[in-house]
Amino acid sequence: MNKTPITNYLLNFGRTIRIKDKKRLTILTNLLSGQIHLASNDNHRDEQVVPFCRHCKDIRETAEHFLTSCPVYSLHRIRNFGSTNINFHDLCNKISPKAIVKFATDTKRLEDKYVCYYAD
């Protein structure tokens, strides 16, 4: 297995990714690389940003958490991945690119520019 999810994903689906819309392709690559507007990644850019999921308080909001385990998005996981219980490895090896992008757009989480900062 390769070190990064995006590398595994490209090995499995690279020849079948047929996303013509640049915005949707950007969503997919940013999610799989972890470089997306979620609290944990925002915290890497600005230490004053609280890195935790607003729904799960003690868990860092990473792409993996958003895609696989945040309970708020369980129904979206069922609709798009067929299960609420999916790990990141299976997501990167078994789920189609269109299903991942559809999940992300259906949740509207990435449209939300909410940022929580630590109080001084």
N, C-alpha and C. Protein backbone atom coordinates (compact mmCIF):
# COMPACT_ATOMS: atom_id res chain seq x y z
N MET A 1 0.84 -1.18 0.00
CA MET A 1 0.00 0.00 0.00
C MET A 1 0.89 1.24 0.00
N ASN A 2 0.50 2.25 -0.76
CA ASN A 2 1.25 3.50 -0.82
C ASN A 2 0.96 4.35 0.40
N LYS A 3 1.76 5.38 0.59
CA LYS A 3 1.68 6.20 1.79
C LYS A 3 0.47 7.12 1.84
N THR A 4 0.00 7.61 0.71
CA THR A 4 -1.09 8.58 0.75
C THR A 4 -2.36 8.03 0.12
N PRO A 5 -3.52 8.42 0.64
CA PRO A 5 -4.79 7.96 0.08
C PRO A 5 -4.95 8.36 -1.39
N ILE A 6 -4.48 9.54 -1.75
CA ILE A 6 -4.65 9.98 -3.14
C ILE A 6 -3.88 9.07 -4.09
N THR A 7 -2.70 8.60 -3.69
CA THR A 7 -1.92 7.70 -4.54
C THR A 7 -2.67 6.39 -4.73
N ASN A 8 -3.18 5.82 -3.63
CA ASN A 8 -3.97 4.59 -3.74
C ASN A 8 -5.19 4.80 -4.62
N TYR A 9 -5.85 5.91 -4.43
CA TYR A 9 -7.06 6.19 -5.20
C TYR A 9 -6.75 6.26 -6.69
N LEU A 10 -5.69 6.96 -7.02
CA LEU A 10 -5.33 7.08 -8.43
C LEU A 10 -4.92 5.74 -9.02
N LEU A 11 -4.26 4.91 -8.22
CA LEU A 11 -3.91 3.58 -8.71
C LEU A 11 -5.16 2.76 -9.01
N ASN A 12 -6.18 2.90 -8.17
CA ASN A 12 -7.41 2.12 -8.34
C ASN A 12 -8.38 2.72 -9.37
N PHE A 13 -8.49 4.04 -9.39
CA PHE A 13 -9.51 4.68 -10.21
C PHE A 13 -8.96 5.66 -11.24
N GLY A 14 -7.65 5.87 -11.25
CA GLY A 14 -7.05 6.90 -12.09
C GLY A 14 -7.49 6.89 -13.54
N ARG A 15 -7.63 5.72 -14.10
CA ARG A 15 -8.03 5.64 -15.52
C ARG A 15 -9.52 5.78 -15.71
N THR A 16 -10.29 5.72 -14.64
CA THR A 16 -11.74 5.80 -14.78
C THR A 16 -12.32 7.10 -14.25
N ILE A 17 -11.49 8.01 -13.77
CA ILE A 17 -12.02 9.29 -13.28
C ILE A 17 -12.48 10.10 -14.49
N ARG A 18 -13.76 10.32 -14.56
CA ARG A 18 -14.34 11.07 -15.67
C ARG A 18 -15.15 12.24 -15.13
N ILE A 19 -14.46 13.17 -14.51
CA ILE A 19 -15.13 14.34 -13.97
C ILE A 19 -14.67 15.53 -14.80
N LYS A 20 -15.60 16.05 -15.61
CA LYS A 20 -15.24 17.14 -16.52
C LYS A 20 -15.31 18.51 -15.84
N ASP A 21 -16.12 18.61 -14.82
CA ASP A 21 -16.30 19.87 -14.10
C ASP A 21 -15.09 20.10 -13.20
N LYS A 22 -14.37 21.18 -13.44
CA LYS A 22 -13.14 21.46 -12.68
C LYS A 22 -13.42 21.60 -11.18
N LYS A 23 -14.54 22.19 -10.82
CA LYS A 23 -14.87 22.37 -9.40
C LYS A 23 -15.02 21.01 -8.70
N ARG A 24 -15.69 20.08 -9.34
CA ARG A 24 -15.89 18.75 -8.75
C ARG A 24 -14.58 17.96 -8.68
N LEU A 25 -13.75 18.10 -9.70
CA LEU A 25 -12.45 17.42 -9.67
C LEU A 25 -11.58 17.99 -8.56
N THR A 26 -11.65 19.30 -8.35
CA THR A 26 -10.91 19.95 -7.27
C THR A 26 -11.39 19.44 -5.91
N ILE A 27 -12.70 19.29 -5.75
CA ILE A 27 -13.24 18.76 -4.50
C ILE A 27 -12.68 17.37 -4.23
N LEU A 28 -12.70 16.51 -5.24
CA LEU A 28 -12.19 15.15 -5.08
C LEU A 28 -10.72 15.14 -4.69
N THR A 29 -9.88 15.84 -5.43
CA THR A 29 -8.44 15.80 -5.13
C THR A 29 -8.14 16.46 -3.79
N ASN A 30 -8.84 17.52 -3.45
CA ASN A 30 -8.59 18.17 -2.16
C ASN A 30 -9.04 17.30 -0.99
N LEU A 31 -10.16 16.60 -1.15
CA LEU A 31 -10.61 15.70 -0.09
C LEU A 31 -9.61 14.56 0.13
N LEU A 32 -9.20 13.94 -0.95
CA LEU A 32 -8.31 12.78 -0.82
C LEU A 32 -6.90 13.16 -0.39
N SER A 33 -6.50 14.39 -0.67
CA SER A 33 -5.17 14.83 -0.23
C SER A 33 -5.23 15.47 1.16
N GLY A 34 -6.45 15.75 1.63
CA GLY A 34 -6.61 16.38 2.94
C GLY A 34 -6.46 17.89 2.92
N GLN A 35 -6.27 18.46 1.76
CA GLN A 35 -6.08 19.90 1.63
C GLN A 35 -7.38 20.59 1.29
N ILE A 36 -8.27 20.64 2.25
CA ILE A 36 -9.60 21.20 2.02
C ILE A 36 -10.03 22.01 3.23
N HIS A 37 -11.01 22.87 3.03
CA HIS A 37 -11.47 23.76 4.09
C HIS A 37 -12.26 22.98 5.15
N LEU A 38 -11.52 22.33 6.02
CA LEU A 38 -12.07 21.68 7.20
C LEU A 38 -11.23 22.16 8.37
N ALA A 39 -11.76 22.09 9.57
CA ALA A 39 -11.14 22.73 10.73
C ALA A 39 -9.69 22.30 10.97
N SER A 40 -9.39 21.03 10.88
CA SER A 40 -8.03 20.57 11.16
C SER A 40 -7.03 21.14 10.17
N ASN A 41 -7.40 21.16 8.90
CA ASN A 41 -6.50 21.71 7.89
C ASN A 41 -6.37 23.22 8.06
N ASP A 42 -7.48 23.91 8.37
CA ASP A 42 -7.42 25.35 8.61
C ASP A 42 -6.50 25.66 9.79
N ASN A 43 -6.49 24.78 10.80
CA ASN A 43 -5.64 24.96 11.97
C ASN A 43 -4.16 24.88 11.60
N HIS A 44 -3.81 24.10 10.59
CA HIS A 44 -2.42 24.03 10.14
C HIS A 44 -1.96 25.36 9.55
N ARG A 45 -2.90 26.08 8.95
CA ARG A 45 -2.59 27.38 8.35
C ARG A 45 -2.64 28.51 9.37
N ASP A 46 -3.51 28.35 10.39
CA ASP A 46 -3.70 29.39 11.40
C ASP A 46 -3.95 28.70 12.74
N GLU A 47 -3.00 28.77 13.64
CA GLU A 47 -3.09 28.06 14.92
C GLU A 47 -4.22 28.55 15.81
N GLN A 48 -4.80 29.69 15.50
CA GLN A 48 -5.92 30.21 16.28
C GLN A 48 -7.25 29.53 15.91
N VAL A 49 -7.27 28.80 14.81
CA VAL A 49 -8.49 28.09 14.40
C VAL A 49 -8.61 26.81 15.23
N VAL A 50 -9.78 26.59 15.79
CA VAL A 50 -10.06 25.38 16.56
C VAL A 50 -10.12 24.21 15.57
N PRO A 51 -9.30 23.17 15.76
CA PRO A 51 -9.22 22.08 14.78
C PRO A 51 -10.28 20.99 14.90
N PHE A 52 -11.20 21.13 15.84
CA PHE A 52 -12.14 20.06 16.13
C PHE A 52 -13.46 20.20 15.37
N CYS A 53 -14.07 19.07 15.11
CA CYS A 53 -15.37 19.03 14.45
C CYS A 53 -16.40 19.73 15.33
N ARG A 54 -17.21 20.56 14.74
CA ARG A 54 -18.21 21.29 15.54
C ARG A 54 -19.30 20.38 16.06
N HIS A 55 -19.44 19.20 15.48
CA HIS A 55 -20.46 18.25 15.90
C HIS A 55 -19.92 17.22 16.89
N CYS A 56 -18.64 16.91 16.79
CA CYS A 56 -18.04 15.83 17.60
C CYS A 56 -17.02 16.36 18.60
N LYS A 57 -17.04 17.57 18.88
CA LYS A 57 -16.25 18.33 19.85
C LYS A 57 -14.81 17.87 20.16
N ASP A 58 -14.56 16.60 20.41
CA ASP A 58 -13.21 16.14 20.78
C ASP A 58 -12.46 15.48 19.64
N ILE A 59 -13.01 15.51 18.44
CA ILE A 59 -12.39 14.85 17.30
C ILE A 59 -11.98 15.89 16.27
N ARG A 60 -10.74 15.79 15.79
CA ARG A 60 -10.26 16.72 14.78
C ARG A 60 -11.08 16.55 13.50
N GLU A 61 -11.46 17.67 12.91
CA GLU A 61 -12.24 17.62 11.67
C GLU A 61 -11.28 17.50 10.49
N THR A 62 -10.99 16.27 10.14
CA THR A 62 -10.13 15.98 8.99
C THR A 62 -11.03 15.50 7.84
N ALA A 63 -10.44 15.37 6.67
CA ALA A 63 -11.19 14.83 5.54
C ALA A 63 -11.66 13.41 5.86
N GLU A 64 -10.80 12.64 6.51
CA GLU A 64 -11.18 11.27 6.87
C GLU A 64 -12.39 11.25 7.80
N HIS A 65 -12.37 12.10 8.82
CA HIS A 65 -13.51 12.17 9.76
C HIS A 65 -14.78 12.59 9.02
N PHE A 66 -14.69 13.62 8.21
CA PHE A 66 -15.83 14.11 7.45
C PHE A 66 -16.40 13.02 6.54
N LEU A 67 -15.54 12.34 5.81
CA LEU A 67 -15.99 11.34 4.84
C LEU A 67 -16.47 10.03 5.47
N THR A 68 -15.88 9.63 6.59
CA THR A 68 -16.14 8.27 7.09
C THR A 68 -16.85 8.15 8.43
N SER A 69 -16.78 9.16 9.29
CA SER A 69 -17.30 8.88 10.63
C SER A 69 -18.13 9.94 11.32
N CYS A 70 -18.17 11.17 10.83
CA CYS A 70 -18.98 12.18 11.52
C CYS A 70 -20.46 11.75 11.45
N PRO A 71 -21.09 11.56 12.62
CA PRO A 71 -22.46 11.05 12.63
C PRO A 71 -23.48 11.98 11.96
N VAL A 72 -23.19 13.25 11.88
CA VAL A 72 -24.12 14.19 11.26
C VAL A 72 -24.35 13.85 9.78
N TYR A 73 -23.36 13.23 9.15
CA TYR A 73 -23.45 12.94 7.71
C TYR A 73 -23.75 11.47 7.42
N SER A 74 -24.25 10.73 8.41
CA SER A 74 -24.54 9.31 8.24
C SER A 74 -25.53 9.03 7.11
N LEU A 75 -26.61 9.79 7.04
CA LEU A 75 -27.59 9.55 5.98
C LEU A 75 -27.00 9.80 4.60
N HIS A 76 -26.13 10.79 4.49
CA HIS A 76 -25.45 11.05 3.22
C HIS A 76 -24.52 9.90 2.87
N ARG A 77 -23.89 9.31 3.89
CA ARG A 77 -23.02 8.15 3.65
C ARG A 77 -23.82 6.97 3.13
N ILE A 78 -24.98 6.73 3.72
CA ILE A 78 -25.84 5.63 3.25
C ILE A 78 -26.25 5.85 1.79
N ARG A 79 -26.69 7.06 1.49
CA ARG A 79 -27.15 7.37 0.13
C ARG A 79 -26.04 7.24 -0.91
N ASN A 80 -24.84 7.68 -0.55
CA ASN A 80 -23.76 7.75 -1.54
C ASN A 80 -22.78 6.58 -1.51
N PHE A 81 -22.59 5.97 -0.32
CA PHE A 81 -21.61 4.89 -0.20
C PHE A 81 -22.26 3.54 0.11
N GLY A 82 -23.57 3.57 0.44
CA GLY A 82 -24.28 2.33 0.73
C GLY A 82 -24.13 1.85 2.16
N SER A 83 -23.44 2.62 3.01
CA SER A 83 -23.22 2.21 4.39
C SER A 83 -22.82 3.42 5.23
N THR A 84 -23.13 3.37 6.52
CA THR A 84 -22.63 4.42 7.41
C THR A 84 -21.27 4.03 7.95
N ASN A 85 -20.95 2.75 7.86
CA ASN A 85 -19.71 2.23 8.43
C ASN A 85 -18.71 1.95 7.30
N ILE A 86 -17.86 2.93 7.04
CA ILE A 86 -16.84 2.76 5.99
C ILE A 86 -15.54 3.36 6.51
N ASN A 87 -14.44 2.68 6.27
CA ASN A 87 -13.16 3.24 6.69
C ASN A 87 -12.50 3.92 5.49
N PHE A 88 -11.50 4.73 5.78
CA PHE A 88 -10.87 5.54 4.74
C PHE A 88 -10.19 4.67 3.68
N HIS A 89 -9.62 3.56 4.11
CA HIS A 89 -8.96 2.65 3.17
C HIS A 89 -9.98 2.12 2.16
N ASP A 90 -11.13 1.65 2.66
CA ASP A 90 -12.17 1.14 1.76
C ASP A 90 -12.72 2.26 0.88
N LEU A 91 -12.88 3.43 1.44
CA LEU A 91 -13.37 4.56 0.67
C LEU A 91 -12.44 4.82 -0.52
N CYS A 92 -11.14 4.79 -0.27
CA CYS A 92 -10.16 5.08 -1.32
C CYS A 92 -9.97 3.92 -2.29
N ASN A 93 -10.42 2.74 -1.93
CA ASN A 93 -10.22 1.59 -2.79
C ASN A 93 -11.49 1.08 -3.47
N LYS A 94 -12.66 1.44 -2.92
CA LYS A 94 -13.90 0.84 -3.43
C LYS A 94 -14.97 1.83 -3.89
N ILE A 95 -14.89 3.06 -3.45
CA ILE A 95 -15.95 4.02 -3.75
C ILE A 95 -15.58 4.85 -4.98
N SER A 96 -16.53 5.03 -5.86
CA SER A 96 -16.27 5.74 -7.11
C SER A 96 -16.03 7.23 -6.87
N PRO A 97 -15.28 7.87 -7.75
CA PRO A 97 -15.02 9.31 -7.63
C PRO A 97 -16.31 10.12 -7.60
N LYS A 98 -17.26 9.76 -8.44
CA LYS A 98 -18.52 10.52 -8.49
C LYS A 98 -19.29 10.41 -7.18
N ALA A 99 -19.25 9.24 -6.53
CA ALA A 99 -19.95 9.07 -5.25
C ALA A 99 -19.32 9.93 -4.16
N ILE A 100 -18.00 10.04 -4.16
CA ILE A 100 -17.32 10.88 -3.15
C ILE A 100 -17.67 12.34 -3.36
N VAL A 101 -17.63 12.79 -4.59
CA VAL A 101 -17.96 14.19 -4.89
C VAL A 101 -19.43 14.46 -4.57
N LYS A 102 -20.30 13.52 -4.92
CA LYS A 102 -21.72 13.70 -4.62
C LYS A 102 -21.96 13.78 -3.12
N PHE A 103 -21.28 12.93 -2.35
CA PHE A 103 -21.38 12.99 -0.89
C PHE A 103 -21.00 14.39 -0.40
N ALA A 104 -19.85 14.87 -0.84
CA ALA A 104 -19.36 16.18 -0.38
C ALA A 104 -20.30 17.30 -0.77
N THR A 105 -20.83 17.27 -1.97
CA THR A 105 -21.73 18.35 -2.39
C THR A 105 -23.10 18.22 -1.72
N ASP A 106 -23.58 17.00 -1.52
CA ASP A 106 -24.87 16.80 -0.85
C ASP A 106 -24.86 17.32 0.59
N THR A 107 -23.74 17.15 1.29
CA THR A 107 -23.69 17.60 2.68
C THR A 107 -23.65 19.11 2.81
N LYS A 108 -23.20 19.79 1.77
CA LYS A 108 -23.02 21.24 1.74
C LYS A 108 -21.98 21.73 2.77
N ARG A 109 -21.25 20.80 3.38
CA ARG A 109 -20.26 21.17 4.38
C ARG A 109 -19.14 22.02 3.78
N LEU A 110 -18.75 21.73 2.57
CA LEU A 110 -17.62 22.46 1.98
C LEU A 110 -18.00 23.85 1.49
N GLU A 111 -19.31 24.11 1.38
CA GLU A 111 -19.79 25.45 1.04
C GLU A 111 -19.78 26.34 2.28
N ASP A 112 -19.81 25.71 3.43
CA ASP A 112 -19.88 26.41 4.71
C ASP A 112 -18.50 26.97 5.06
N LYS A 113 -18.41 28.26 5.17
CA LYS A 113 -17.11 28.89 5.47
C LYS A 113 -16.95 29.18 6.97
N TYR A 114 -17.74 28.49 7.79
CA TYR A 114 -17.68 28.64 9.24
C TYR A 114 -16.28 28.31 9.75
N VAL A 115 -15.74 29.19 10.57
CA VAL A 115 -14.44 28.95 11.23
C VAL A 115 -14.59 29.38 12.68
N CYS A 116 -14.14 28.53 13.59
CA CYS A 116 -14.18 28.84 15.02
C CYS A 116 -12.75 29.12 15.49
N TYR A 117 -12.56 30.24 16.18
CA TYR A 117 -11.24 30.61 16.67
C TYR A 117 -11.17 30.46 18.18
N TYR A 118 -9.98 30.15 18.67
CA TYR A 118 -9.76 30.15 20.12
C TYR A 118 -9.89 31.56 20.64
N ALA A 119 -10.47 31.69 21.84
CA ALA A 119 -10.59 33.01 22.47
C ALA A 119 -9.25 33.38 23.09
N ASP A 120 -8.93 34.63 23.03
CA ASP A 120 -7.66 35.11 23.62
C ASP A 120 -7.75 35.23 25.12
